[in-house]
Amino acid sequence: MNMEEHLEKRQEIEINEQKWVYDSSFNHRGRTPLRASTGAWKASLFIIAIEFAERLSYFGIATSLIIYLTKVLHQDVKTSAKCANQWLGVTTLMPLVGGILADSYLGRFATVLASTIIYLMGLILLTMSSMVPSLKPCESHVQCLQTRKVHEIVFFVAIYMISVGTGGHKPSLESFGADQFDDNHPDERKKKMSFFNWWNAALCAGLLLGVTLIVYVQDHAGWGQADIILTVVMAASTVIFIVGRPFYRYRKPGSPLKPMVQVCVAAFCKRKLPLPSNPNELHEVPKTEKVQERLLCHTETFKFLDKAAIIEEHKQDPWRLSTVTKVEEMKLLLNMIPIWLTTLPFGLCVAQSSTFFIKQGVLMNRKITDDFVLPPASINILAAFGMIFSVAIYDRLLVPLLRRVTRTERGISILKRIGIGMTFSITTMIISAIVEKKRLTIVKNDPLHGSPTMSVFWLAPQFITIGIADGFTLVGLQEYFYDQVPDSMRSLGIALYLSVIGAGSFLSSFLISIVDQVTTKVSGKSWFATDLNGSRLDYFYLLLAAITTTNLCVYVLVASRYSYKNVQKNTAVAAADCFQDDGHGA
């Protein structure tokens, strides 16, 4: 009889877990979400829609920025590249601030909404800088050699407002989208793996229209007309995002960094105490106590932090006693530092696709027909195709095949996927060096006509391969930083992924300055001349290939020693009953 009651109770629990979502999330009324009417694809589609609109605006601005800086603001190649890199760096590092605000104070939905409004204000100001007569670059319609100071001020204020908007938008929106899938539900967990792939498909769709439609309007109708389109699309997507509010699953913000500090303080205070021989003697949430958050299993790395969980009599102060889960979360952050550092050279390579790659295209033959000349920034469409192709092949062909081979849910570990993309980035730099060498040879042999005799589609291989690299590494980084950070820090996790590109852009700007000084001092001639034909970008690309290759060797070593998040299968069972998410899934 007792056995029957136990089975009935267990069956009732399973039915409830299928009906309701018990993962610490709540619906728009603050109640436990009903699985059938909230979350999963029905909610994430609204979120993917606003991501498409935001990326349309971002790429419409970012891919043409270096052209605007040289054509409208009359900056030279070196200055414009550094200026563009700095803006890209700020734009992709600001999410670190936005991620902390979302996780600790505002919540992800509120952060997305607030940052979208700031983003929209930036777009409106950008439109005004091109359309309002007193703010235009020149007083007359004729192109002037000196841009008005007021235009420069308004322009830079506008694009940096967009940076601030992106800072709250990107980490919060992506983690908010992934929050719509319950990690404890097998079907939703599999859907979440596809979510990151289709998220990037929407990103690429925004990129495609950004570097074709928007760039075409910029080139043929005017910058102001393009800005109007971006403003209208962003305003419409904001309405769509708000409409989806009843379908979302929300999470309460907390202070994710405070428990990490408490772990360090507690471990330091008890540094002289001996560790127990049995990890089960360390402090953890009682197994009989119902908790919504996932508990982590004890691991053997960074054992000095385990002292924070040593139980002392009559001392329950969180600054003197931490749970095993909190200690393991601190270990996760420490484990991520080497991975983050070894992915920065990849960001270096990506930075070139929106700066020097575009400047190469400006000087080449872009004529498609007698009546149509391809805008230089539109060549970026090939990178989008490369990314879409790699994501589609990976999600639809490789993953199902690898699941059968490896018998794991993910098919291939996250860090292996990232490493494959790094290999493609090295290939990109080598191809780029070869193509630029050929272009410079044509310029040398035919100074009168030069590189305009060379088709812009010679750049196709380097754009396609960097797109494939993005499909593996960038999507992998999204999954890695979302999955491996503590559950309470997932917005910050997405911000860490974005910071790889941001830090890479700043490193690119810094490297340009160093190489410029060193080459000028050693040979008397810089690799970065006033114009591209007098520069040696082929040497610079080979330098990047060498840096990335050396870094890949270090990355492989670090990744091979990495310990993935160890999650308890069930809070009602023994602490030893765990599975290690080795990047394959449960």
Protein backbone atom coordinates (compact mmCIF):
# COMPACT_ATOMS: atom_id res chain seq x y z
CA MET A 1 0.00 0.00 0.00
CA ASN A 2 2.80 2.38 0.90
CA MET A 3 4.49 1.55 -2.39
CA GLU A 4 1.29 2.34 -4.31
CA GLU A 5 0.91 5.66 -2.48
CA HIS A 6 4.53 6.48 -3.24
CA LEU A 7 4.05 5.72 -6.97
CA GLU A 8 0.84 7.75 -7.08
CA LYS A 9 2.56 10.69 -5.39
CA ARG A 10 5.50 10.46 -7.77
CA GLN A 11 3.14 10.35 -10.77
CA GLU A 12 1.29 13.41 -9.44
CA ILE A 13 4.58 15.30 -9.11
CA GLU A 14 5.56 14.39 -12.69
CA ILE A 15 2.17 15.57 -13.99
CA ASN A 16 2.55 18.89 -12.13
CA GLU A 17 6.06 19.36 -13.51
CA GLN A 18 4.71 18.83 -17.02
CA LYS A 19 1.91 21.34 -16.41
CA TRP A 20 3.82 24.00 -14.47
CA VAL A 21 7.35 25.40 -14.73
CA TYR A 22 9.33 25.12 -11.48
CA ASP A 23 12.62 26.80 -12.40
CA SER A 24 12.38 29.99 -10.29
CA SER A 25 10.63 31.84 -13.14
CA PHE A 26 7.21 33.51 -12.94
CA ASN A 27 4.64 34.86 -15.39
CA HIS A 28 3.63 38.51 -15.96
CA ARG A 29 1.30 38.28 -12.96
CA GLY A 30 4.02 37.04 -10.63
CA ARG A 31 2.73 33.45 -10.48
CA THR A 32 4.22 30.07 -11.41
CA PRO A 33 4.14 29.88 -15.24
CA LEU A 34 1.86 27.45 -17.03
CA ARG A 35 4.04 25.49 -19.45
CA ALA A 36 1.45 25.32 -22.23
CA SER A 37 0.84 29.08 -22.45
CA THR A 38 4.22 30.61 -21.64
CA GLY A 39 7.84 30.34 -22.70
CA ALA A 40 9.51 28.13 -25.31
CA TRP A 41 9.04 29.09 -28.97
CA LYS A 42 5.74 30.93 -28.44
CA ALA A 43 7.59 33.54 -26.34
CA SER A 44 11.04 33.46 -27.91
CA LEU A 45 9.68 34.35 -31.36
CA PHE A 46 8.74 37.83 -30.08
CA ILE A 47 12.25 38.16 -28.67
CA ILE A 48 13.92 36.97 -31.87
CA ALA A 49 11.85 39.55 -33.81
CA ILE A 50 13.27 42.47 -31.82
CA GLU A 51 16.77 41.00 -32.14
CA PHE A 52 16.33 41.07 -35.92
CA ALA A 53 15.35 44.75 -35.79
CA GLU A 54 18.21 45.70 -33.48
CA ARG A 55 20.80 43.89 -35.59
CA LEU A 56 19.40 45.53 -38.73
CA SER A 57 20.05 48.92 -37.14
CA TYR A 58 23.42 47.95 -35.71
CA PHE A 59 24.86 46.50 -38.91
CA GLY A 60 23.32 49.26 -40.99
CA ILE A 61 25.44 51.67 -38.94
CA ALA A 62 28.52 49.56 -38.10
CA THR A 63 29.34 48.26 -41.59
CA SER A 64 29.24 51.75 -43.11
CA LEU A 65 30.81 53.59 -40.19
CA ILE A 66 34.35 53.60 -41.55
CA ILE A 67 33.04 54.86 -44.91
CA TYR A 68 31.10 57.64 -43.16
CA LEU A 69 34.18 58.62 -41.15
CA THR A 70 36.33 58.91 -44.28
CA LYS A 71 33.75 60.17 -46.78
CA VAL A 72 31.73 62.59 -44.63
CA LEU A 73 34.04 63.43 -41.69
CA HIS A 74 37.17 63.28 -43.92
CA GLN A 75 39.32 61.13 -41.59
CA ASP A 76 42.34 59.23 -42.96
CA VAL A 77 42.51 55.42 -43.09
CA LYS A 78 44.43 54.90 -39.84
CA THR A 79 42.33 57.37 -37.82
CA SER A 80 39.02 56.10 -39.18
CA ALA A 81 39.97 52.45 -38.46
CA LYS A 82 40.97 53.31 -34.88
CA CYS A 83 37.82 55.41 -34.39
CA ALA A 84 35.58 52.62 -35.73
CA ASN A 85 37.35 50.03 -33.57
CA GLN A 86 36.90 52.18 -30.48
CA TRP A 87 33.18 52.57 -31.15
CA LEU A 88 32.84 48.82 -31.75
CA GLY A 89 34.81 48.20 -28.56
CA VAL A 90 32.59 50.44 -26.45
CA THR A 91 29.45 49.00 -28.05
CA THR A 92 30.43 45.42 -27.22
CA LEU A 93 31.90 46.14 -23.78
CA MET A 94 28.92 48.18 -22.55
CA PRO A 95 26.90 44.93 -22.17
CA LEU A 96 29.05 44.19 -19.11
CA VAL A 97 27.35 47.13 -17.40
CA GLY A 98 23.96 46.21 -18.81
CA GLY A 99 24.37 42.59 -17.72
CA ILE A 100 25.08 43.59 -14.12
CA LEU A 101 22.08 45.96 -14.07
CA ALA A 102 19.78 43.26 -15.50
CA ASP A 103 20.91 40.49 -13.14
CA SER A 104 21.21 42.58 -9.99
CA TYR A 105 18.62 45.35 -10.11
CA LEU A 106 16.22 45.88 -13.00
CA GLY A 107 15.50 42.39 -14.33
CA ARG A 108 15.96 41.39 -17.96
CA PHE A 109 12.61 42.52 -19.36
CA ALA A 110 12.86 46.00 -17.82
CA THR A 111 16.49 46.36 -18.92
CA VAL A 112 15.63 45.45 -22.52
CA LEU A 113 12.75 47.91 -22.58
CA ALA A 114 14.76 50.78 -21.06
CA SER A 115 17.79 50.20 -23.28
CA THR A 116 15.59 49.96 -26.39
CA ILE A 117 14.20 53.41 -25.62
CA ILE A 118 17.75 54.80 -25.28
CA TYR A 119 18.67 53.04 -28.54
CA LEU A 120 15.64 54.58 -30.25
CA MET A 121 16.58 58.05 -28.96
CA GLY A 122 20.07 57.57 -30.42
CA LEU A 123 18.58 56.65 -33.80
CA ILE A 124 16.31 59.70 -33.73
CA LEU A 125 19.30 61.94 -32.94
CA LEU A 126 21.32 60.26 -35.71
CA THR A 127 18.48 60.96 -38.16
CA MET A 128 18.37 64.59 -37.05
CA SER A 129 22.13 64.98 -37.61
CA SER A 130 21.57 64.20 -41.31
CA MET A 131 18.15 65.75 -41.89
CA VAL A 132 17.92 68.92 -39.77
CA PRO A 133 19.55 71.76 -41.80
CA SER A 134 21.41 73.29 -38.83
CA LEU A 135 22.92 69.89 -37.92
CA LYS A 136 23.95 68.68 -41.39
CA PRO A 137 27.66 68.10 -42.21
CA CYS A 138 27.70 71.02 -44.65
CA GLU A 139 25.68 74.21 -45.03
CA SER A 140 24.98 73.47 -48.70
CA HIS A 141 24.21 70.28 -50.64
CA VAL A 142 27.66 70.38 -52.20
CA GLN A 143 30.19 68.14 -50.43
CA CYS A 144 32.48 70.24 -48.23
CA LEU A 145 36.08 69.57 -47.26
CA GLN A 146 35.52 70.49 -43.61
CA THR A 147 32.61 69.03 -41.65
CA ARG A 148 30.78 71.35 -39.28
CA LYS A 149 31.71 70.82 -35.62
CA VAL A 150 28.08 70.69 -34.50
CA HIS A 151 27.45 67.77 -36.85
CA GLU A 152 30.44 65.83 -35.48
CA ILE A 153 29.28 66.38 -31.89
CA VAL A 154 25.67 65.33 -32.56
CA PHE A 155 26.80 62.37 -34.69
CA PHE A 156 29.14 60.96 -32.05
CA VAL A 157 26.64 61.57 -29.23
CA ALA A 158 24.03 59.67 -31.27
CA ILE A 159 26.18 56.64 -32.07
CA TYR A 160 27.42 56.40 -28.49
CA MET A 161 23.81 56.58 -27.25
CA ILE A 162 23.26 53.57 -29.51
CA SER A 163 26.27 51.96 -27.79
CA VAL A 164 24.63 52.51 -24.39
CA GLY A 165 21.34 51.11 -25.72
CA THR A 166 23.12 48.07 -27.10
CA GLY A 167 24.83 47.66 -23.71
CA GLY A 168 21.52 46.91 -22.02
CA HIS A 169 19.81 45.35 -25.02
CA LYS A 170 22.22 42.62 -26.08
CA PRO A 171 23.00 40.71 -22.84
CA SER A 172 19.49 41.04 -21.43
CA LEU A 173 17.56 40.16 -24.59
CA GLU A 174 19.53 37.04 -25.46
CA SER A 175 19.53 35.68 -21.90
CA PHE A 176 15.84 36.62 -21.59
CA GLY A 177 15.18 34.59 -24.73
CA ALA A 178 17.09 31.58 -23.40
CA ASP A 179 15.22 31.91 -20.08
CA GLN A 180 12.03 30.94 -21.92
CA PHE A 181 13.27 27.31 -21.99
CA ASP A 182 13.23 25.14 -18.86
CA ASP A 183 16.59 23.39 -18.32
CA ASN A 184 14.88 20.72 -16.20
CA HIS A 185 12.50 19.73 -19.02
CA PRO A 186 14.19 17.42 -21.60
CA ASP A 187 12.18 18.66 -24.57
CA GLU A 188 12.65 22.35 -23.75
CA ARG A 189 16.35 21.80 -23.04
CA LYS A 190 16.83 20.45 -26.59
CA LYS A 191 14.83 23.36 -28.01
CA LYS A 192 17.11 25.81 -26.21
CA MET A 193 20.14 24.37 -28.04
CA SER A 194 18.38 25.19 -31.31
CA PHE A 195 17.34 28.57 -29.95
CA PHE A 196 20.92 29.87 -30.06
CA ASN A 197 21.29 28.69 -33.65
CA TRP A 198 18.04 30.30 -34.81
CA TRP A 199 18.81 33.40 -32.77
CA ASN A 200 21.91 33.77 -34.89
CA ALA A 201 19.89 33.08 -38.04
CA ALA A 202 17.72 36.11 -37.14
CA LEU A 203 20.89 38.04 -36.41
CA CYS A 204 22.19 37.17 -39.86
CA ALA A 205 18.89 38.10 -41.47
CA GLY A 206 19.21 41.53 -39.85
CA LEU A 207 22.80 41.70 -41.05
CA LEU A 208 21.77 40.77 -44.60
CA LEU A 209 19.21 43.55 -44.85
CA GLY A 210 21.52 45.94 -43.02
CA VAL A 211 24.38 45.51 -45.50
CA THR A 212 22.13 45.40 -48.58
CA LEU A 213 18.93 47.44 -48.25
CA ILE A 214 20.18 49.96 -45.67
CA VAL A 215 23.60 50.37 -47.26
CA TYR A 216 21.97 50.77 -50.69
CA VAL A 217 19.72 53.54 -49.33
CA GLN A 218 22.75 55.20 -47.70
CA ASP A 219 24.66 55.05 -50.98
CA HIS A 220 21.89 56.13 -53.36
CA ALA A 221 19.28 58.07 -51.35
CA GLY A 222 21.24 59.45 -48.43
CA TRP A 223 22.33 58.69 -44.87
CA GLY A 224 19.33 60.45 -43.37
CA GLN A 225 16.81 58.39 -45.34
CA ALA A 226 18.49 55.19 -44.17
CA ASP A 227 18.38 56.42 -40.56
CA ILE A 228 14.63 57.06 -40.89
CA ILE A 229 14.09 53.41 -41.93
CA LEU A 230 16.16 52.15 -38.98
CA THR A 231 14.24 54.36 -36.55
CA VAL A 232 10.83 53.18 -37.80
CA VAL A 233 11.84 49.49 -37.69
CA MET A 234 13.20 49.82 -34.14
CA ALA A 235 10.03 51.61 -32.98
CA ALA A 236 7.85 48.86 -34.51
CA SER A 237 9.93 46.08 -32.92
CA THR A 238 9.57 47.75 -29.51
CA VAL A 239 5.77 47.51 -29.87
CA ILE A 240 6.07 43.83 -30.86
CA PHE A 241 8.25 43.15 -27.82
CA ILE A 242 5.69 44.72 -25.48
CA VAL A 243 2.82 42.77 -27.11
CA GLY A 244 4.55 39.51 -26.18
CA ARG A 245 4.58 40.37 -22.47
CA PRO A 246 1.85 37.85 -21.39
CA PHE A 247 3.78 34.96 -22.97
CA TYR A 248 7.15 35.56 -21.29
CA ARG A 249 8.69 33.86 -18.29
CA TYR A 250 10.45 36.27 -15.95
CA ARG A 251 13.11 35.91 -13.28
CA LYS A 252 13.60 37.98 -10.16
CA PRO A 253 16.82 40.04 -10.14
CA GLY A 254 19.24 39.55 -7.28
CA SER A 255 22.82 40.36 -6.42
CA PRO A 256 24.88 37.66 -8.18
CA LEU A 257 28.26 39.17 -7.27
CA LYS A 258 27.64 39.47 -3.51
CA PRO A 259 27.57 35.67 -2.89
CA MET A 260 30.84 35.36 -4.84
CA VAL A 261 32.48 37.92 -2.54
CA GLN A 262 31.04 36.10 0.49
CA VAL A 263 32.65 32.85 -0.69
CA CYS A 264 36.07 34.52 -0.94
CA VAL A 265 35.73 36.16 2.49
CA ALA A 266 34.54 32.94 4.15
CA ALA A 267 37.33 30.89 2.53
CA PHE A 268 39.93 33.43 3.69
CA CYS A 269 38.58 33.53 7.25
CA LYS A 270 38.73 29.72 7.48
CA ARG A 271 41.96 29.27 5.53
CA LYS A 272 43.69 27.51 8.46
CA LEU A 273 40.92 24.93 9.01
CA PRO A 274 41.48 21.43 7.58
CA LEU A 275 39.14 20.23 4.83
CA PRO A 276 36.93 17.22 5.69
CA SER A 277 37.88 14.01 3.90
CA ASN A 278 34.26 13.54 2.75
CA PRO A 279 32.83 16.39 0.59
CA ASN A 280 29.33 15.49 1.83
CA GLU A 281 30.32 17.02 5.18
CA LEU A 282 30.48 20.45 3.57
CA HIS A 283 27.51 22.78 3.98
CA GLU A 284 24.72 22.62 1.40
CA VAL A 285 20.98 23.32 1.27
CA PRO A 286 19.23 20.42 3.11
CA LYS A 287 17.94 17.82 0.68
CA THR A 288 14.53 17.90 2.34
CA GLU A 289 14.21 21.64 1.74
CA LYS A 290 12.44 22.57 -1.50
CA VAL A 291 14.50 24.94 -3.61
CA GLN A 292 13.78 26.23 -7.10
CA GLU A 293 17.34 27.02 -8.15
CA ARG A 294 19.59 24.23 -9.42
CA LEU A 295 22.19 22.90 -6.99
CA LEU A 296 25.73 22.13 -8.11
CA CYS A 297 27.90 19.18 -7.19
CA HIS A 298 31.27 19.40 -5.52
CA THR A 299 34.34 19.38 -7.80
CA GLU A 300 38.03 18.98 -7.03
CA THR A 301 39.25 22.22 -8.64
CA PHE A 302 40.22 25.29 -6.56
CA LYS A 303 39.94 23.27 -3.35
CA PHE A 304 41.00 26.24 -1.22
CA LEU A 305 37.54 27.73 -1.85
CA ASP A 306 35.90 24.63 -0.31
CA LYS A 307 36.87 25.97 3.10
CA ALA A 308 34.07 28.51 2.74
CA ALA A 309 31.62 25.58 3.13
CA ILE A 310 33.24 24.08 6.26
CA ILE A 311 30.59 23.97 8.98
CA GLU A 312 31.42 25.72 12.24
CA GLU A 313 29.28 25.45 15.34
CA HIS A 314 26.71 28.22 15.82
CA LYS A 315 27.94 30.19 12.81
CA GLN A 316 25.42 30.60 9.99
CA ASP A 317 26.57 34.06 8.86
CA PRO A 318 26.84 34.03 5.00
CA TRP A 319 30.16 35.88 5.35
CA ARG A 320 31.47 32.89 7.33
CA LEU A 321 29.58 29.99 5.75
CA SER A 322 28.69 29.36 2.11
CA THR A 323 26.91 26.45 0.46
CA VAL A 324 28.71 24.05 -1.86
CA THR A 325 26.63 25.47 -4.73
CA LYS A 326 27.86 29.02 -4.07
CA VAL A 327 31.45 27.77 -3.84
CA GLU A 328 31.08 25.90 -7.13
CA GLU A 329 29.63 29.00 -8.77
CA MET A 330 32.74 30.91 -7.75
CA LYS A 331 34.85 28.13 -9.25
CA LEU A 332 32.89 28.44 -12.52
CA LEU A 333 33.85 32.11 -12.80
CA LEU A 334 37.52 31.36 -12.13
CA ASN A 335 37.46 28.57 -14.73
CA MET A 336 36.10 31.00 -17.32
CA ILE A 337 38.95 33.51 -17.10
CA PRO A 338 41.47 31.46 -19.17
CA ILE A 339 38.77 30.63 -21.75
CA TRP A 340 37.81 34.31 -22.08
CA LEU A 341 41.45 35.39 -22.44
CA THR A 342 42.22 32.78 -25.11
CA THR A 343 39.23 33.82 -27.24
CA LEU A 344 40.29 37.49 -27.47
CA PRO A 345 42.51 36.99 -30.57
CA PHE A 346 39.40 35.73 -32.36
CA GLY A 347 37.81 39.13 -31.64
CA LEU A 348 40.92 40.69 -33.20
CA CYS A 349 40.22 38.88 -36.47
CA VAL A 350 36.49 39.71 -36.46
CA ALA A 351 37.29 43.43 -36.02
CA GLN A 352 38.96 43.51 -39.45
CA SER A 353 35.74 42.55 -41.27
CA SER A 354 34.09 45.87 -40.40
CA THR A 355 37.16 48.07 -40.93
CA PHE A 356 40.00 47.12 -43.29
CA PHE A 357 37.99 44.54 -45.26
CA ILE A 358 35.46 47.27 -46.11
CA LYS A 359 38.19 49.78 -47.04
CA GLN A 360 39.67 47.22 -49.44
CA GLY A 361 36.27 46.90 -51.11
CA VAL A 362 36.04 50.68 -51.59
CA LEU A 363 39.09 50.64 -53.88
CA MET A 364 38.09 47.60 -55.96
CA ASN A 365 35.77 47.12 -58.94
CA ARG A 366 32.22 46.94 -57.52
CA LYS A 367 30.35 47.26 -60.79
CA ILE A 368 27.68 44.55 -61.14
CA THR A 369 25.84 45.93 -64.19
CA ASP A 370 26.05 49.15 -66.17
CA ASP A 371 23.45 50.67 -63.85
CA PHE A 372 24.32 49.10 -60.51
CA VAL A 373 27.49 49.48 -58.41
CA LEU A 374 27.67 47.39 -55.24
CA PRO A 375 28.02 49.56 -52.11
CA PRO A 376 31.32 48.61 -50.43
CA ALA A 377 29.71 47.68 -47.10
CA SER A 378 27.32 45.30 -48.87
CA ILE A 379 30.14 42.81 -49.43
CA ASN A 380 29.51 41.90 -45.78
CA ILE A 381 26.51 39.95 -47.04
CA LEU A 382 28.93 37.12 -47.84
CA ALA A 383 29.90 36.90 -44.17
CA ALA A 384 26.22 36.60 -43.29
CA PHE A 385 25.77 33.83 -45.86
CA GLY A 386 28.80 32.05 -44.44
CA MET A 387 27.39 32.24 -40.94
CA ILE A 388 23.86 31.18 -41.95
CA PHE A 389 25.28 28.30 -43.98
CA SER A 390 27.49 27.04 -41.15
CA VAL A 391 24.73 27.36 -38.53
CA ALA A 392 22.17 25.58 -40.74
CA ILE A 393 24.58 22.75 -41.62
CA TYR A 394 25.66 22.42 -37.99
CA ASP A 395 22.12 22.43 -36.56
CA ARG A 396 20.42 20.26 -39.19
CA LEU A 397 23.14 17.87 -40.35
CA LEU A 398 26.16 17.77 -38.06
CA VAL A 399 24.39 17.74 -34.67
CA PRO A 400 21.96 14.86 -35.51
CA LEU A 401 24.88 12.88 -36.99
CA LEU A 402 27.19 13.57 -34.06
CA ARG A 403 24.43 12.70 -31.57
CA ARG A 404 24.27 9.22 -33.06
CA VAL A 405 28.07 8.90 -33.06
CA THR A 406 28.82 10.31 -29.59
CA ARG A 407 25.47 9.31 -28.01
CA THR A 408 25.30 12.71 -26.30
CA GLU A 409 22.58 15.36 -26.40
CA ARG A 410 24.73 18.13 -27.85
CA GLY A 411 26.77 16.00 -30.26
CA ILE A 412 30.00 17.99 -29.84
CA SER A 413 31.24 19.89 -26.81
CA ILE A 414 30.88 23.66 -26.74
CA LEU A 415 34.61 24.31 -26.45
CA LYS A 416 35.37 22.07 -29.45
CA ARG A 417 32.87 24.04 -31.51
CA ILE A 418 34.61 27.29 -30.47
CA GLY A 419 38.01 25.82 -31.39
CA ILE A 420 36.80 24.86 -34.89
CA GLY A 421 35.73 28.47 -35.48
CA MET A 422 39.15 29.72 -34.36
CA THR A 423 40.75 27.53 -37.01
CA PHE A 424 38.57 29.19 -39.65
CA SER A 425 39.61 32.63 -38.37
CA ILE A 426 43.27 31.73 -38.97
CA THR A 427 42.34 30.63 -42.49
CA THR A 428 40.57 33.97 -43.00
CA MET A 429 43.67 35.98 -42.13
CA ILE A 430 45.88 33.92 -44.45
CA ILE A 431 43.41 34.29 -47.34
CA SER A 432 43.13 38.03 -46.62
CA ALA A 433 46.92 38.42 -46.79
CA ILE A 434 47.08 36.59 -50.14
CA VAL A 435 44.27 38.68 -51.68
CA GLU A 436 45.74 41.97 -50.42
CA LYS A 437 49.17 41.00 -51.73
CA LYS A 438 47.63 40.42 -55.17
CA ARG A 439 45.80 43.77 -55.00
CA LEU A 440 49.01 45.64 -54.11
CA THR A 441 50.85 43.88 -56.96
CA ILE A 442 48.20 45.07 -59.42
CA VAL A 443 48.54 48.62 -58.06
CA LYS A 444 52.35 48.44 -58.45
CA ASN A 445 52.20 47.07 -61.99
CA ASP A 446 49.42 49.39 -63.15
CA PRO A 447 49.56 52.63 -61.09
CA LEU A 448 47.24 54.45 -63.50
CA HIS A 449 44.27 52.09 -63.15
CA GLY A 450 45.31 50.14 -60.01
CA SER A 451 42.98 47.96 -57.96
CA PRO A 452 39.72 49.16 -59.65
CA THR A 453 40.62 46.57 -62.32
CA MET A 454 40.32 43.86 -59.65
CA SER A 455 36.81 42.59 -58.83
CA VAL A 456 35.53 43.12 -55.29
CA PHE A 457 34.53 39.46 -55.27
CA TRP A 458 38.17 38.57 -54.72
CA LEU A 459 37.24 39.43 -51.12
CA ALA A 460 34.50 36.78 -51.11
CA PRO A 461 36.65 33.94 -49.63
CA GLN A 462 37.78 35.98 -46.62
CA PHE A 463 34.24 37.22 -45.89
CA ILE A 464 32.75 33.73 -46.24
CA THR A 465 35.37 32.08 -44.03
CA ILE A 466 35.02 34.73 -41.29
CA GLY A 467 31.25 34.11 -41.48
CA ILE A 468 31.80 30.36 -41.02
CA ALA A 469 34.16 31.13 -38.13
CA ASP A 470 31.40 33.24 -36.54
CA GLY A 471 28.90 30.40 -36.99
CA PHE A 472 31.10 28.10 -34.91
CA THR A 473 32.88 30.38 -32.45
CA LEU A 474 30.37 33.17 -31.78
CA VAL A 475 27.41 30.81 -31.41
CA GLY A 476 29.57 28.53 -29.29
CA LEU A 477 30.60 31.45 -27.07
CA GLN A 478 26.94 32.39 -26.61
CA GLU A 479 26.09 28.88 -25.43
CA TYR A 480 29.22 28.61 -23.31
CA PHE A 481 28.83 31.87 -21.40
CA TYR A 482 25.08 31.36 -20.94
CA ASP A 483 25.33 27.74 -19.77
CA GLN A 484 28.48 27.85 -17.69
CA VAL A 485 27.94 30.99 -15.61
CA PRO A 486 25.90 30.71 -12.39
CA ASP A 487 22.18 30.68 -13.17
CA SER A 488 21.74 34.09 -11.49
CA MET A 489 24.37 35.72 -13.76
CA ARG A 490 23.18 34.78 -17.22
CA SER A 491 22.81 38.34 -18.54
CA LEU A 492 26.36 38.98 -17.39
CA GLY A 493 27.34 35.72 -19.11
CA ILE A 494 26.03 36.97 -22.46
CA ALA A 495 27.85 40.25 -21.80
CA LEU A 496 31.10 38.30 -21.33
CA TYR A 497 30.57 36.69 -24.74
CA LEU A 498 30.03 40.10 -26.33
CA SER A 499 33.04 41.51 -24.51
CA VAL A 500 35.25 39.11 -26.50
CA ILE A 501 34.39 41.14 -29.62
CA GLY A 502 34.61 44.44 -27.74
CA ALA A 503 37.99 43.70 -26.22
CA GLY A 504 39.12 42.38 -29.62
CA SER A 505 38.17 45.69 -31.23
CA PHE A 506 40.13 47.66 -28.63
CA LEU A 507 43.07 45.28 -29.05
CA SER A 508 42.88 45.83 -32.81
CA SER A 509 43.02 49.61 -32.32
CA PHE A 510 45.92 49.22 -29.87
CA LEU A 511 47.76 46.81 -32.19
CA ILE A 512 47.38 49.24 -35.11
CA SER A 513 49.02 51.97 -33.01
CA ILE A 514 51.88 49.68 -31.92
CA VAL A 515 52.52 48.32 -35.42
CA ASP A 516 52.33 51.85 -36.85
CA GLN A 517 55.00 53.11 -34.44
CA VAL A 518 57.27 50.07 -34.70
CA THR A 519 57.23 49.82 -38.51
CA THR A 520 57.78 53.56 -38.89
CA LYS A 521 60.75 53.39 -36.52
CA VAL A 522 62.29 50.23 -38.02
CA SER A 523 61.78 50.76 -41.78
CA GLY A 524 60.91 54.43 -41.95
CA LYS A 525 57.54 53.58 -43.53
CA SER A 526 54.40 52.55 -41.66
CA TRP A 527 52.28 49.55 -42.63
CA PHE A 528 49.34 51.99 -42.38
CA ALA A 529 49.80 54.86 -44.83
CA THR A 530 47.39 57.72 -45.48
CA ASP A 531 45.74 55.64 -48.20
CA LEU A 532 45.37 51.88 -48.51
CA ASN A 533 47.51 51.58 -51.65
CA GLY A 534 50.55 52.76 -49.73
CA SER A 535 49.83 50.44 -46.76
CA ARG A 536 50.93 46.85 -46.13
CA LEU A 537 47.76 45.23 -44.83
CA ASP A 538 49.02 41.89 -46.13
CA TYR A 539 51.78 41.94 -43.53
CA PHE A 540 49.29 42.98 -40.84
CA TYR A 541 46.96 40.09 -41.73
CA LEU A 542 49.87 37.62 -41.55
CA LEU A 543 50.76 39.02 -38.13
CA LEU A 544 47.18 38.39 -36.99
CA ALA A 545 47.33 34.84 -38.40
CA ALA A 546 50.53 34.19 -36.41
CA ILE A 547 49.01 35.61 -33.20
CA THR A 548 45.81 33.58 -33.64
CA THR A 549 47.69 30.35 -34.40
CA THR A 550 49.85 30.70 -31.30
CA ASN A 551 46.78 31.47 -29.24
CA LEU A 552 44.92 28.43 -30.61
CA CYS A 553 47.62 26.15 -29.20
CA VAL A 554 47.17 27.76 -25.78
CA TYR A 555 43.37 27.51 -26.10
CA VAL A 556 43.50 23.77 -26.85
CA LEU A 557 45.60 23.24 -23.72
CA VAL A 558 43.23 25.32 -21.57
CA ALA A 559 40.07 23.73 -23.03
CA SER A 560 41.38 20.19 -22.51
CA ARG A 561 41.70 20.88 -18.77
CA TYR A 562 38.39 22.68 -18.38
CA SER A 563 35.80 21.35 -15.89
CA TYR A 564 32.20 21.92 -16.97
CA LYS A 565 29.30 22.82 -14.68
CA ASN A 566 28.33 19.90 -12.42
CA VAL A 567 24.56 19.95 -11.82
CA GLN A 568 22.63 17.80 -9.35
CA LYS A 569 19.97 15.78 -11.14
CA ASN A 570 17.47 16.23 -8.36
CA THR A 571 17.55 18.25 -5.17
CA ALA A 572 15.88 15.43 -3.31
CA VAL A 573 18.69 12.92 -3.83
CA ALA A 574 22.19 12.54 -2.53
CA ALA A 575 24.79 15.13 -3.41
CA ALA A 576 26.83 12.53 -5.23
CA ASP A 577 24.00 11.90 -7.69
CA CYS A 578 25.23 14.37 -10.28
CA PHE A 579 25.92 14.67 -13.94
CA GLN A 580 28.75 16.66 -15.38
CA ASP A 581 27.72 18.84 -18.29
CA ASP A 582 30.81 18.32 -20.39
CA GLY A 583 29.40 20.51 -23.06
CA HIS A 584 27.32 17.69 -24.48
CA GLY A 585 24.31 18.10 -22.28
CA ALA A 586 22.70 15.79 -19.75
